[in-house]
Amino acid sequence: MSFRVIDAEYSAALNKIVMVSESPDVLHIFDPVTGTDTTVALPKAPSGVSVGPDGLYAAVAFDSLAGYVNLTTAALVATYPLSGPLTEVILAKDYIHVDLANNGQRSVQIASGAVTTVANSYYAQLSKARLHPSGRAIYSSASGSWSRVDVSSGPATGTTSPLYSNSGQVCPGTWLSLDGNRAFSGCGTVVTLSATNPQLEMTYRTSLAGLGRIAG
C-alpha cells in the first residue's frame, strides 16, 4: 500500500476493509477481492476509526472532532466538535462514543449532535474498545483491568467500571466473540460475558496457550 494505516476495521456487510491514513488525510474503503480502494477525504488527520453494527457507516476520531461516514456512498455525512483530542471512538446504532484522554468520555447523538458526558468516566480510559454484539455495552481492556460502559439506553449512562476480580492477566487490546459470550485481551486472556448473571460477568475463563501479545 502507498499509505500508512493509522487504524482499520472490517465491514462484514460490505466485505470491505475500512482504514484511515494521514498525509493525505483519507478514509479508505478497500475491497480485498478486487483490490479497489474507494477513498473519502477527511478534514484533518485521523486517530482512529470504528465501523458500526450494520457495517454501512463508520465513525472517525480526530483532534477535537468526530466524523460520521456513509460507507455505501463513500461520503462524509457529518462532523461533531468536541472539547479535546479523541483517543478512542466506538460507533453504535444511534450514537458515537468517544474517549477524550484525560477529559473523560462522551456520547454524541448522531441525529442531533447532542453530547452527553459519561458520569465517573475520568479514571477508566477506554483503549481498543469494542461494542458488544447486543449493543448493550462497550468493553475495553488495559494493563491490569477490564472496563465496561453501559450503553443499553443509547448514550452511555452507567459508570465506567474497572473490573479486576478473578479476570487473570489483562493486557491492552480487546476482542469479543461473535456470540458475545467471551472477551479476549491482548495477552490471550479469555473472560466470560454475561448480561443475566453479574457474578459471571468478566470472570476468568482460560488463557490461549503459546501467545505473547496480540496486536490490533
N, C-alpha and C. Protein backbone atom coordinates (compact mmCIF):
# COMPACT_ATOMS: atom_id res chain seq x y z
N MET A 1 0.83 -1.20 0.00
CA MET A 1 0.00 0.00 0.00
C MET A 1 0.87 1.26 0.00
N SER A 2 0.35 2.31 -0.59
CA SER A 2 1.12 3.55 -0.70
C SER A 2 0.84 4.50 0.45
N PHE A 3 0.17 4.04 1.50
CA PHE A 3 -0.15 4.89 2.64
C PHE A 3 0.05 4.09 3.92
N ARG A 4 0.23 4.83 5.03
CA ARG A 4 0.40 4.18 6.33
C ARG A 4 -0.94 4.12 7.04
N VAL A 5 -1.33 2.92 7.42
CA VAL A 5 -2.62 2.73 8.08
C VAL A 5 -2.53 3.16 9.54
N ILE A 6 -3.41 4.07 9.95
CA ILE A 6 -3.49 4.52 11.34
C ILE A 6 -4.36 3.56 12.15
N ASP A 7 -5.48 3.15 11.56
CA ASP A 7 -6.41 2.23 12.22
C ASP A 7 -7.26 1.59 11.14
N ALA A 8 -7.83 0.41 11.44
CA ALA A 8 -8.64 -0.29 10.44
C ALA A 8 -9.66 -1.19 11.12
N GLU A 9 -10.81 -1.36 10.47
CA GLU A 9 -11.83 -2.31 10.89
C GLU A 9 -12.45 -2.93 9.65
N TYR A 10 -13.19 -4.02 9.87
CA TYR A 10 -13.78 -4.77 8.76
C TYR A 10 -15.29 -4.59 8.74
N SER A 11 -15.85 -4.37 7.55
CA SER A 11 -17.30 -4.34 7.37
C SER A 11 -17.72 -5.66 6.75
N ALA A 12 -18.40 -6.49 7.54
CA ALA A 12 -18.88 -7.77 7.03
C ALA A 12 -19.99 -7.56 6.01
N ALA A 13 -20.82 -6.54 6.21
CA ALA A 13 -21.93 -6.28 5.30
C ALA A 13 -21.45 -5.94 3.89
N LEU A 14 -20.36 -5.21 3.81
CA LEU A 14 -19.82 -4.81 2.51
C LEU A 14 -18.65 -5.67 2.05
N ASN A 15 -18.13 -6.53 2.95
CA ASN A 15 -16.91 -7.28 2.70
C ASN A 15 -15.78 -6.34 2.27
N LYS A 16 -15.63 -5.27 3.05
CA LYS A 16 -14.60 -4.27 2.78
C LYS A 16 -13.79 -4.01 4.05
N ILE A 17 -12.53 -3.65 3.88
CA ILE A 17 -11.68 -3.22 4.98
C ILE A 17 -11.71 -1.69 5.01
N VAL A 18 -12.08 -1.14 6.15
CA VAL A 18 -12.18 0.31 6.30
C VAL A 18 -10.97 0.80 7.08
N MET A 19 -10.18 1.67 6.46
CA MET A 19 -8.93 2.14 7.05
C MET A 19 -8.87 3.66 7.02
N VAL A 20 -8.08 4.23 7.93
CA VAL A 20 -7.80 5.66 7.87
C VAL A 20 -6.29 5.87 7.81
N SER A 21 -5.90 6.93 7.10
CA SER A 21 -4.49 7.27 6.95
C SER A 21 -4.34 8.78 7.00
N GLU A 22 -3.10 9.24 7.17
CA GLU A 22 -2.83 10.68 7.18
C GLU A 22 -1.78 11.01 6.12
N SER A 23 -1.77 12.28 5.73
CA SER A 23 -0.83 12.80 4.72
C SER A 23 -0.85 11.99 3.42
N PRO A 24 -1.97 11.95 2.68
CA PRO A 24 -3.17 12.76 2.88
C PRO A 24 -4.12 12.14 3.91
N ASP A 25 -5.02 12.98 4.43
CA ASP A 25 -5.98 12.55 5.44
C ASP A 25 -7.20 11.94 4.73
N VAL A 26 -7.27 10.60 4.78
CA VAL A 26 -8.22 9.89 3.94
C VAL A 26 -8.78 8.69 4.68
N LEU A 27 -10.07 8.39 4.44
CA LEU A 27 -10.65 7.11 4.83
C LEU A 27 -10.69 6.23 3.58
N HIS A 28 -10.22 5.01 3.72
CA HIS A 28 -10.15 4.06 2.60
C HIS A 28 -11.19 2.96 2.79
N ILE A 29 -11.94 2.66 1.74
CA ILE A 29 -12.88 1.53 1.72
C ILE A 29 -12.31 0.53 0.72
N PHE A 30 -11.59 -0.44 1.24
CA PHE A 30 -10.77 -1.31 0.40
C PHE A 30 -11.45 -2.65 0.16
N ASP A 31 -11.55 -3.03 -1.10
CA ASP A 31 -12.13 -4.32 -1.48
C ASP A 31 -11.00 -5.35 -1.59
N PRO A 32 -10.92 -6.31 -0.67
CA PRO A 32 -9.82 -7.27 -0.70
C PRO A 32 -9.90 -8.26 -1.87
N VAL A 33 -11.05 -8.35 -2.51
CA VAL A 33 -11.22 -9.27 -3.65
C VAL A 33 -10.72 -8.63 -4.94
N THR A 34 -11.16 -7.40 -5.19
CA THR A 34 -10.79 -6.73 -6.45
C THR A 34 -9.56 -5.83 -6.32
N GLY A 35 -9.22 -5.48 -5.07
CA GLY A 35 -8.12 -4.55 -4.85
C GLY A 35 -8.51 -3.09 -5.04
N THR A 36 -9.80 -2.82 -5.24
CA THR A 36 -10.27 -1.45 -5.43
C THR A 36 -10.26 -0.69 -4.11
N ASP A 37 -9.74 0.53 -4.16
CA ASP A 37 -9.67 1.38 -2.97
C ASP A 37 -10.49 2.63 -3.21
N THR A 38 -11.67 2.71 -2.58
CA THR A 38 -12.50 3.90 -2.66
C THR A 38 -12.17 4.80 -1.48
N THR A 39 -11.95 6.08 -1.73
CA THR A 39 -11.47 6.98 -0.67
C THR A 39 -12.47 8.08 -0.35
N VAL A 40 -12.39 8.55 0.89
CA VAL A 40 -13.19 9.68 1.36
C VAL A 40 -12.23 10.69 1.98
N ALA A 41 -12.22 11.91 1.48
CA ALA A 41 -11.35 12.95 2.04
C ALA A 41 -11.82 13.33 3.43
N LEU A 42 -10.87 13.49 4.36
CA LEU A 42 -11.18 13.84 5.73
C LEU A 42 -10.69 15.26 6.04
N PRO A 43 -11.33 15.93 7.00
CA PRO A 43 -10.99 17.35 7.26
C PRO A 43 -9.68 17.57 7.98
N LYS A 44 -9.16 16.55 8.67
CA LYS A 44 -7.88 16.66 9.36
C LYS A 44 -7.34 15.26 9.59
N ALA A 45 -6.17 15.16 10.23
CA ALA A 45 -5.54 13.86 10.44
C ALA A 45 -6.38 13.00 11.38
N PRO A 46 -6.69 11.77 11.00
CA PRO A 46 -7.50 10.89 11.86
C PRO A 46 -6.64 10.16 12.88
N SER A 47 -7.27 9.78 14.00
CA SER A 47 -6.56 9.00 15.01
C SER A 47 -7.18 7.62 15.21
N GLY A 48 -8.37 7.37 14.63
CA GLY A 48 -8.99 6.07 14.78
C GLY A 48 -10.25 5.97 13.95
N VAL A 49 -10.75 4.73 13.79
CA VAL A 49 -11.97 4.50 13.03
C VAL A 49 -12.75 3.37 13.68
N SER A 50 -14.08 3.42 13.57
CA SER A 50 -14.95 2.38 14.09
C SER A 50 -16.07 2.14 13.09
N VAL A 51 -16.26 0.88 12.67
CA VAL A 51 -17.36 0.52 11.79
C VAL A 51 -18.57 0.16 12.66
N GLY A 52 -19.74 0.66 12.29
CA GLY A 52 -20.94 0.45 13.08
C GLY A 52 -21.48 -0.96 12.98
N PRO A 53 -22.46 -1.31 13.81
CA PRO A 53 -23.00 -2.66 13.86
C PRO A 53 -23.58 -3.16 12.53
N ASP A 54 -24.13 -2.25 11.71
CA ASP A 54 -24.70 -2.69 10.44
C ASP A 54 -23.67 -2.75 9.32
N GLY A 55 -22.45 -2.28 9.59
CA GLY A 55 -21.38 -2.33 8.60
C GLY A 55 -21.49 -1.32 7.49
N LEU A 56 -22.45 -0.41 7.56
CA LEU A 56 -22.70 0.53 6.47
C LEU A 56 -22.21 1.94 6.77
N TYR A 57 -21.85 2.19 8.03
CA TYR A 57 -21.36 3.50 8.43
C TYR A 57 -20.10 3.35 9.28
N ALA A 58 -19.31 4.41 9.34
CA ALA A 58 -18.12 4.41 10.18
C ALA A 58 -18.01 5.75 10.90
N ALA A 59 -17.42 5.71 12.07
CA ALA A 59 -17.09 6.94 12.80
C ALA A 59 -15.58 7.10 12.79
N VAL A 60 -15.12 8.33 12.68
CA VAL A 60 -13.69 8.63 12.63
C VAL A 60 -13.34 9.58 13.75
N ALA A 61 -12.24 9.31 14.44
CA ALA A 61 -11.76 10.17 15.51
C ALA A 61 -10.71 11.13 14.99
N PHE A 62 -10.79 12.37 15.46
CA PHE A 62 -9.81 13.40 15.14
C PHE A 62 -9.45 14.13 16.43
N ASP A 63 -8.62 15.15 16.30
CA ASP A 63 -8.35 16.06 17.41
C ASP A 63 -9.54 17.01 17.53
N SER A 64 -10.31 16.87 18.62
CA SER A 64 -11.45 17.74 18.93
C SER A 64 -12.60 17.62 17.92
N LEU A 65 -12.73 16.46 17.28
CA LEU A 65 -13.76 16.28 16.27
C LEU A 65 -14.04 14.79 16.07
N ALA A 66 -15.33 14.48 15.85
CA ALA A 66 -15.71 13.13 15.43
C ALA A 66 -16.42 13.25 14.09
N GLY A 67 -16.17 12.28 13.20
CA GLY A 67 -16.79 12.29 11.88
C GLY A 67 -17.66 11.07 11.67
N TYR A 68 -18.66 11.21 10.79
CA TYR A 68 -19.61 10.13 10.50
C TYR A 68 -19.63 9.93 8.99
N VAL A 69 -19.31 8.70 8.55
CA VAL A 69 -19.11 8.42 7.14
C VAL A 69 -20.08 7.36 6.66
N ASN A 70 -20.74 7.61 5.53
CA ASN A 70 -21.57 6.62 4.85
C ASN A 70 -20.65 5.79 3.96
N LEU A 71 -20.50 4.52 4.27
CA LEU A 71 -19.57 3.66 3.53
C LEU A 71 -20.14 3.22 2.18
N THR A 72 -21.46 3.23 2.05
CA THR A 72 -22.08 2.84 0.79
C THR A 72 -21.89 3.91 -0.27
N THR A 73 -22.08 5.17 0.11
CA THR A 73 -21.92 6.27 -0.84
C THR A 73 -20.54 6.90 -0.79
N ALA A 74 -19.70 6.44 0.15
CA ALA A 74 -18.34 6.98 0.32
C ALA A 74 -18.38 8.49 0.52
N ALA A 75 -19.14 8.92 1.55
CA ALA A 75 -19.30 10.35 1.81
C ALA A 75 -19.20 10.64 3.29
N LEU A 76 -18.54 11.74 3.63
CA LEU A 76 -18.53 12.24 5.00
C LEU A 76 -19.85 12.95 5.24
N VAL A 77 -20.70 12.37 6.08
CA VAL A 77 -22.06 12.87 6.28
C VAL A 77 -22.11 14.02 7.28
N ALA A 78 -21.33 13.90 8.37
CA ALA A 78 -21.41 14.91 9.43
C ALA A 78 -20.13 14.90 10.24
N THR A 79 -19.87 16.04 10.89
CA THR A 79 -18.79 16.13 11.87
C THR A 79 -19.35 16.75 13.14
N TYR A 80 -18.75 16.39 14.28
CA TYR A 80 -19.24 16.82 15.58
C TYR A 80 -18.06 17.37 16.39
N PRO A 81 -18.08 18.66 16.74
CA PRO A 81 -16.98 19.23 17.54
C PRO A 81 -17.01 18.72 18.97
N LEU A 82 -15.83 18.48 19.53
CA LEU A 82 -15.69 18.00 20.90
C LEU A 82 -14.53 18.74 21.56
N SER A 83 -14.45 18.66 22.89
CA SER A 83 -13.52 19.50 23.63
C SER A 83 -12.21 18.80 23.97
N GLY A 84 -11.54 18.28 22.95
CA GLY A 84 -10.25 17.66 23.21
C GLY A 84 -9.93 16.58 22.21
N PRO A 85 -8.70 16.10 22.20
CA PRO A 85 -8.31 15.04 21.27
C PRO A 85 -9.00 13.72 21.60
N LEU A 86 -9.45 13.02 20.57
CA LEU A 86 -10.13 11.74 20.75
C LEU A 86 -9.10 10.62 20.72
N THR A 87 -9.05 9.83 21.79
CA THR A 87 -8.12 8.70 21.83
C THR A 87 -8.82 7.38 21.53
N GLU A 88 -10.15 7.39 21.46
CA GLU A 88 -10.91 6.19 21.12
C GLU A 88 -12.26 6.62 20.56
N VAL A 89 -12.77 5.82 19.61
CA VAL A 89 -14.09 6.07 19.04
C VAL A 89 -14.78 4.73 18.82
N ILE A 90 -16.07 4.66 19.20
CA ILE A 90 -16.87 3.46 19.02
C ILE A 90 -18.21 3.87 18.45
N LEU A 91 -18.56 3.34 17.28
CA LEU A 91 -19.83 3.67 16.64
C LEU A 91 -20.88 2.64 17.02
N ALA A 92 -21.97 3.09 17.62
CA ALA A 92 -23.12 2.26 17.94
C ALA A 92 -24.25 2.60 16.97
N LYS A 93 -25.47 2.13 17.26
CA LYS A 93 -26.57 2.31 16.32
C LYS A 93 -26.92 3.77 16.12
N ASP A 94 -27.10 4.51 17.20
CA ASP A 94 -27.54 5.90 17.10
C ASP A 94 -26.57 6.89 17.73
N TYR A 95 -25.46 6.40 18.27
CA TYR A 95 -24.52 7.25 18.99
C TYR A 95 -23.08 6.94 18.58
N ILE A 96 -22.25 7.97 18.67
CA ILE A 96 -20.80 7.81 18.58
C ILE A 96 -20.26 8.02 19.98
N HIS A 97 -19.58 7.02 20.52
CA HIS A 97 -19.00 7.10 21.85
C HIS A 97 -17.50 7.35 21.72
N VAL A 98 -17.00 8.33 22.47
CA VAL A 98 -15.59 8.70 22.34
C VAL A 98 -14.94 8.82 23.71
N ASP A 99 -13.63 8.67 23.72
CA ASP A 99 -12.82 8.92 24.90
C ASP A 99 -11.94 10.13 24.63
N LEU A 100 -11.95 11.08 25.55
CA LEU A 100 -11.19 12.32 25.39
C LEU A 100 -9.95 12.31 26.27
N ALA A 101 -9.21 11.21 26.23
CA ALA A 101 -7.97 11.09 27.00
C ALA A 101 -8.25 11.34 28.48
N ASN A 102 -7.67 12.39 29.05
CA ASN A 102 -7.83 12.67 30.48
C ASN A 102 -9.07 13.51 30.79
N ASN A 103 -9.93 13.69 29.80
CA ASN A 103 -11.13 14.51 29.98
C ASN A 103 -12.41 13.68 29.95
N GLY A 104 -12.31 12.38 30.19
CA GLY A 104 -13.49 11.53 30.29
C GLY A 104 -14.07 11.14 28.94
N GLN A 105 -15.26 10.56 28.99
CA GLN A 105 -15.92 10.04 27.80
C GLN A 105 -17.18 10.82 27.49
N ARG A 106 -17.55 10.80 26.20
CA ARG A 106 -18.74 11.49 25.72
C ARG A 106 -19.52 10.56 24.78
N SER A 107 -20.84 10.77 24.74
CA SER A 107 -21.69 10.10 23.77
C SER A 107 -22.33 11.17 22.90
N VAL A 108 -22.17 11.04 21.58
CA VAL A 108 -22.69 12.02 20.63
C VAL A 108 -23.87 11.40 19.89
N GLN A 109 -25.05 12.01 20.01
CA GLN A 109 -26.21 11.51 19.27
C GLN A 109 -26.05 11.88 17.80
N ILE A 110 -26.10 10.88 16.93
CA ILE A 110 -25.83 11.11 15.52
C ILE A 110 -26.86 12.04 14.89
N ALA A 111 -28.14 11.87 15.22
CA ALA A 111 -29.20 12.65 14.58
C ALA A 111 -29.15 14.13 14.94
N SER A 112 -28.86 14.42 16.22
CA SER A 112 -28.95 15.81 16.70
C SER A 112 -27.60 16.46 16.98
N GLY A 113 -26.57 15.65 17.21
CA GLY A 113 -25.27 16.19 17.62
C GLY A 113 -25.18 16.48 19.10
N ALA A 114 -26.23 16.17 19.86
CA ALA A 114 -26.22 16.40 21.31
C ALA A 114 -25.15 15.54 21.97
N VAL A 115 -24.43 16.14 22.91
CA VAL A 115 -23.31 15.46 23.57
C VAL A 115 -23.66 15.19 25.02
N THR A 116 -23.50 13.94 25.45
CA THR A 116 -23.72 13.53 26.83
C THR A 116 -22.38 13.19 27.47
N THR A 117 -22.11 13.77 28.63
CA THR A 117 -20.90 13.44 29.38
C THR A 117 -21.15 12.19 30.21
N VAL A 118 -20.24 11.23 30.13
CA VAL A 118 -20.39 9.97 30.85
C VAL A 118 -19.96 10.16 32.30
N ALA A 119 -20.84 9.85 33.23
CA ALA A 119 -20.54 10.03 34.65
C ALA A 119 -19.41 9.11 35.10
N ASN A 120 -18.52 9.66 35.92
CA ASN A 120 -17.44 8.89 36.56
C ASN A 120 -16.56 8.15 35.55
N SER A 121 -16.32 8.79 34.40
CA SER A 121 -15.53 8.10 33.36
C SER A 121 -14.09 8.57 33.31
N TYR A 122 -13.68 9.44 34.22
CA TYR A 122 -12.36 10.06 34.10
C TYR A 122 -11.22 9.12 34.50
N TYR A 123 -11.52 8.10 35.32
CA TYR A 123 -10.44 7.26 35.83
C TYR A 123 -10.29 5.95 35.05
N ALA A 124 -11.11 5.72 34.03
CA ALA A 124 -11.05 4.45 33.31
C ALA A 124 -11.04 4.72 31.81
N GLN A 125 -9.87 5.07 31.29
CA GLN A 125 -9.75 5.41 29.88
C GLN A 125 -9.96 4.18 29.01
N LEU A 126 -10.79 4.35 27.97
CA LEU A 126 -11.02 3.26 27.03
C LEU A 126 -9.87 3.19 26.04
N SER A 127 -9.48 1.96 25.70
CA SER A 127 -8.40 1.74 24.74
C SER A 127 -8.69 0.47 23.96
N LYS A 128 -8.70 0.58 22.62
CA LYS A 128 -9.01 -0.57 21.77
C LYS A 128 -10.32 -1.21 22.20
N ALA A 129 -11.31 -0.37 22.42
CA ALA A 129 -12.59 -0.83 22.95
C ALA A 129 -13.45 -1.45 21.86
N ARG A 130 -14.43 -2.28 22.29
CA ARG A 130 -15.33 -2.95 21.35
C ARG A 130 -16.77 -2.85 21.84
N LEU A 131 -17.68 -2.65 20.90
CA LEU A 131 -19.11 -2.67 21.20
C LEU A 131 -19.58 -4.12 21.24
N HIS A 132 -20.32 -4.48 22.29
CA HIS A 132 -20.86 -5.83 22.40
C HIS A 132 -21.84 -6.07 21.25
N PRO A 133 -21.91 -7.29 20.70
CA PRO A 133 -22.84 -7.58 19.59
C PRO A 133 -24.28 -7.20 19.88
N SER A 134 -24.68 -7.24 21.14
CA SER A 134 -26.05 -6.86 21.52
C SER A 134 -26.25 -5.35 21.50
N GLY A 135 -25.16 -4.59 21.49
CA GLY A 135 -25.23 -3.14 21.57
C GLY A 135 -25.42 -2.61 22.97
N ARG A 136 -25.40 -3.49 23.99
CA ARG A 136 -25.73 -3.07 25.35
C ARG A 136 -24.56 -2.43 26.09
N ALA A 137 -23.32 -2.72 25.68
CA ALA A 137 -22.17 -2.24 26.46
C ALA A 137 -20.93 -2.16 25.58
N ILE A 138 -19.98 -1.36 26.05
CA ILE A 138 -18.66 -1.27 25.44
C ILE A 138 -17.66 -1.87 26.42
N TYR A 139 -16.75 -2.70 25.91
CA TYR A 139 -15.74 -3.34 26.74
C TYR A 139 -14.35 -2.90 26.29
N SER A 140 -13.47 -2.77 27.28
CA SER A 140 -12.10 -2.38 26.99
C SER A 140 -11.17 -3.03 27.99
N SER A 141 -10.00 -3.45 27.53
CA SER A 141 -9.00 -4.00 28.44
C SER A 141 -7.75 -3.15 28.38
N ALA A 142 -7.20 -2.85 29.54
CA ALA A 142 -5.96 -2.10 29.65
C ALA A 142 -5.07 -2.87 30.62
N SER A 143 -3.92 -2.32 30.92
CA SER A 143 -2.98 -3.02 31.79
C SER A 143 -3.58 -3.22 33.17
N GLY A 144 -3.94 -4.46 33.49
CA GLY A 144 -4.39 -4.79 34.83
C GLY A 144 -5.88 -4.82 35.05
N SER A 145 -6.71 -4.34 34.11
CA SER A 145 -8.14 -4.33 34.38
C SER A 145 -8.96 -4.31 33.09
N TRP A 146 -10.22 -4.72 33.23
CA TRP A 146 -11.22 -4.57 32.18
C TRP A 146 -12.12 -3.41 32.56
N SER A 147 -12.70 -2.75 31.55
CA SER A 147 -13.69 -1.72 31.79
C SER A 147 -14.93 -2.00 30.97
N ARG A 148 -16.08 -1.60 31.53
CA ARG A 148 -17.36 -1.78 30.84
C ARG A 148 -18.15 -0.48 30.94
N VAL A 149 -18.71 -0.05 29.82
CA VAL A 149 -19.56 1.13 29.79
C VAL A 149 -20.95 0.71 29.33
N ASP A 150 -21.97 1.03 30.10
CA ASP A 150 -23.34 0.69 29.77
C ASP A 150 -23.89 1.67 28.73
N VAL A 151 -24.24 1.15 27.55
CA VAL A 151 -24.84 1.99 26.50
C VAL A 151 -26.18 1.41 26.06
N SER A 152 -26.83 0.65 26.94
CA SER A 152 -28.05 -0.06 26.58
C SER A 152 -29.22 0.87 26.25
N SER A 153 -29.19 2.10 26.78
CA SER A 153 -30.28 3.03 26.50
C SER A 153 -29.93 4.04 25.42
N GLY A 154 -28.77 3.90 24.78
CA GLY A 154 -28.33 4.83 23.74
C GLY A 154 -27.08 5.54 24.16
N PRO A 155 -27.19 6.67 24.88
CA PRO A 155 -25.98 7.31 25.42
C PRO A 155 -25.43 6.48 26.57
N ALA A 156 -24.16 6.65 26.85
CA ALA A 156 -23.56 5.94 27.98
C ALA A 156 -24.15 6.50 29.26
N THR A 157 -24.78 5.65 30.05
CA THR A 157 -25.46 6.10 31.26
C THR A 157 -24.88 5.49 32.52
N GLY A 158 -24.29 4.32 32.42
CA GLY A 158 -23.74 3.67 33.60
C GLY A 158 -22.31 4.10 33.85
N THR A 159 -21.86 3.83 35.04
CA THR A 159 -20.49 4.15 35.41
C THR A 159 -19.53 3.26 34.64
N THR A 160 -18.45 3.86 34.16
CA THR A 160 -17.39 3.09 33.55
C THR A 160 -16.64 2.39 34.67
N SER A 161 -16.69 1.09 34.72
CA SER A 161 -16.22 0.35 35.89
C SER A 161 -14.96 -0.44 35.61
N PRO A 162 -13.85 -0.14 36.27
CA PRO A 162 -12.71 -1.04 36.19
C PRO A 162 -13.04 -2.34 36.91
N LEU A 163 -12.86 -3.46 36.24
CA LEU A 163 -13.21 -4.75 36.81
C LEU A 163 -11.94 -5.59 36.94
N TYR A 164 -11.55 -5.90 38.16
CA TYR A 164 -10.30 -6.60 38.41
C TYR A 164 -10.53 -8.06 38.83
N SER A 165 -11.62 -8.33 39.50
CA SER A 165 -11.80 -9.58 40.22
C SER A 165 -11.75 -10.80 39.33
N ASN A 166 -10.83 -11.71 39.63
CA ASN A 166 -10.79 -13.02 39.00
C ASN A 166 -10.70 -12.95 37.49
N SER A 167 -10.03 -11.95 36.94
CA SER A 167 -10.02 -11.78 35.49
C SER A 167 -8.69 -12.17 34.85
N GLY A 168 -7.75 -12.74 35.63
CA GLY A 168 -6.49 -13.19 35.06
C GLY A 168 -5.64 -12.03 34.58
N GLN A 169 -4.58 -12.34 33.85
CA GLN A 169 -3.71 -11.31 33.32
C GLN A 169 -4.44 -10.53 32.23
N VAL A 170 -4.35 -9.21 32.27
CA VAL A 170 -5.05 -8.36 31.32
C VAL A 170 -4.05 -7.43 30.66
N CYS A 171 -4.09 -7.38 29.32
CA CYS A 171 -3.21 -6.52 28.55
C CYS A 171 -4.06 -5.68 27.59
N PRO A 172 -3.54 -4.55 27.10
CA PRO A 172 -4.30 -3.73 26.16
C PRO A 172 -4.68 -4.51 24.91
N GLY A 173 -5.86 -4.21 24.39
CA GLY A 173 -6.40 -4.91 23.23
C GLY A 173 -7.64 -5.70 23.62
N THR A 174 -8.73 -5.54 22.87
CA THR A 174 -9.99 -6.18 23.22
C THR A 174 -10.63 -6.77 21.98
N TRP A 175 -11.05 -8.02 22.10
CA TRP A 175 -11.82 -8.70 21.04
C TRP A 175 -12.97 -9.44 21.68
N LEU A 176 -14.13 -9.47 21.01
CA LEU A 176 -15.31 -10.15 21.52
C LEU A 176 -15.70 -11.27 20.57
N SER A 177 -16.18 -12.38 21.12
CA SER A 177 -16.65 -13.47 20.28
C SER A 177 -17.93 -13.04 19.57
N LEU A 178 -18.24 -13.69 18.44
CA LEU A 178 -19.40 -13.32 17.66
C LEU A 178 -20.70 -13.50 18.44
N ASP A 179 -20.74 -14.51 19.34
CA ASP A 179 -21.95 -14.72 20.13
C ASP A 179 -22.03 -13.81 21.34
N GLY A 180 -20.97 -13.03 21.60
CA GLY A 180 -20.97 -12.08 22.70
C GLY A 180 -20.78 -12.68 24.07
N ASN A 181 -20.38 -13.94 24.14
CA ASN A 181 -20.25 -14.63 25.43
C ASN A 181 -18.83 -14.61 25.98
N ARG A 182 -17.86 -14.16 25.20
CA ARG A 182 -16.47 -14.15 25.65
C ARG A 182 -15.77 -12.88 25.19
N ALA A 183 -14.79 -12.46 25.99
CA ALA A 183 -13.92 -11.35 25.62
C ALA A 183 -12.47 -11.83 25.72
N PHE A 184 -11.62 -11.30 24.85
CA PHE A 184 -10.22 -11.68 24.78
C PHE A 184 -9.37 -10.43 24.95
N SER A 185 -8.34 -10.50 25.79
CA SER A 185 -7.44 -9.37 25.95
C SER A 185 -6.20 -9.57 25.07
N GLY A 186 -5.35 -8.55 25.05
CA GLY A 186 -4.19 -8.57 24.18
C GLY A 186 -3.14 -9.61 24.51
N CYS A 187 -3.23 -10.23 25.68
CA CYS A 187 -2.27 -11.30 26.00
C CYS A 187 -2.95 -12.67 26.04
N GLY A 188 -4.14 -12.77 25.39
CA GLY A 188 -4.79 -14.06 25.25
C GLY A 188 -5.66 -14.50 26.41
N THR A 189 -5.89 -13.62 27.38
CA THR A 189 -6.78 -13.96 28.48
C THR A 189 -8.22 -13.95 27.99
N VAL A 190 -8.99 -14.97 28.36
CA VAL A 190 -10.38 -15.09 27.94
C VAL A 190 -11.27 -14.99 29.17
N VAL A 191 -12.29 -14.12 29.12
CA VAL A 191 -13.22 -13.98 30.24
C VAL A 191 -14.65 -14.17 29.73
N THR A 192 -15.53 -14.50 30.65
CA THR A 192 -16.94 -14.70 30.34
C THR A 192 -17.68 -13.37 30.39
N LEU A 193 -18.60 -13.17 29.45
CA LEU A 193 -19.50 -12.03 29.47
C LEU A 193 -20.92 -12.54 29.72
N SER A 194 -21.63 -11.89 30.61
CA SER A 194 -22.98 -12.34 30.93
C SER A 194 -23.87 -11.15 31.26
N ALA A 195 -24.94 -10.99 30.48
CA ALA A 195 -25.90 -9.92 30.73
C ALA A 195 -26.88 -10.29 31.83
N THR A 196 -27.01 -11.58 32.11
CA THR A 196 -28.03 -12.05 33.06
C THR A 196 -27.48 -12.42 34.43
N ASN A 197 -26.18 -12.66 34.52
CA ASN A 197 -25.58 -13.08 35.78
C ASN A 197 -24.38 -12.20 36.12
N PRO A 198 -24.56 -11.19 36.97
CA PRO A 198 -23.45 -10.30 37.32
C PRO A 198 -22.27 -11.03 37.96
N GLN A 199 -22.52 -12.17 38.58
CA GLN A 199 -21.43 -12.92 39.20
C GLN A 199 -20.50 -13.52 38.17
N LEU A 200 -20.99 -13.75 36.96
CA LEU A 200 -20.16 -14.33 35.90
C LEU A 200 -19.50 -13.27 35.02
N GLU A 201 -20.03 -12.06 35.05
CA GLU A 201 -19.52 -11.02 34.17
C GLU A 201 -18.04 -10.75 34.41
N MET A 202 -17.24 -10.88 33.33
CA MET A 202 -15.80 -10.62 33.32
C MET A 202 -15.02 -11.57 34.22
N THR A 203 -15.52 -12.77 34.46
CA THR A 203 -14.76 -13.75 35.24
C THR A 203 -13.84 -14.54 34.33
N TYR A 204 -12.71 -14.93 34.88
CA TYR A 204 -11.67 -15.62 34.11
C TYR A 204 -12.18 -16.96 33.59
N ARG A 205 -11.90 -17.23 32.31
CA ARG A 205 -12.32 -18.48 31.69
C ARG A 205 -11.12 -19.36 31.34
N THR A 206 -10.16 -18.81 30.60
CA THR A 206 -8.96 -19.55 30.23
C THR A 206 -7.96 -18.57 29.64
N SER A 207 -6.79 -19.08 29.27
CA SER A 207 -5.80 -18.29 28.54
C SER A 207 -5.37 -19.05 27.30
N LEU A 208 -5.24 -18.39 26.20
CA LEU A 208 -4.84 -19.03 24.96
C LEU A 208 -3.35 -19.33 25.03
N ALA A 209 -3.01 -20.61 24.91
CA ALA A 209 -1.63 -21.05 25.06
C ALA A 209 -0.76 -20.58 23.90
N GLY A 210 0.52 -20.31 24.23
CA GLY A 210 1.51 -20.00 23.21
C GLY A 210 1.47 -18.60 22.66
N LEU A 211 0.69 -17.72 23.28
CA LEU A 211 0.59 -16.35 22.79
C LEU A 211 1.37 -15.39 23.68
N GLY A 212 2.01 -14.41 23.07
CA GLY A 212 2.60 -13.32 23.83
C GLY A 212 1.62 -12.18 23.85
N ARG A 213 1.84 -11.19 22.99
CA ARG A 213 0.92 -10.09 22.87
C ARG A 213 0.25 -10.13 21.48
N ILE A 214 -1.04 -9.83 21.44
CA ILE A 214 -1.79 -9.78 20.20
C ILE A 214 -1.91 -8.32 19.79
N ALA A 215 -1.47 -8.01 18.58
CA ALA A 215 -1.55 -6.64 18.09
C ALA A 215 -2.92 -6.37 17.49
N GLY A 216 -3.31 -5.09 17.53
CA GLY A 216 -4.56 -4.72 16.87
C GLY A 216 -5.42 -3.84 17.73
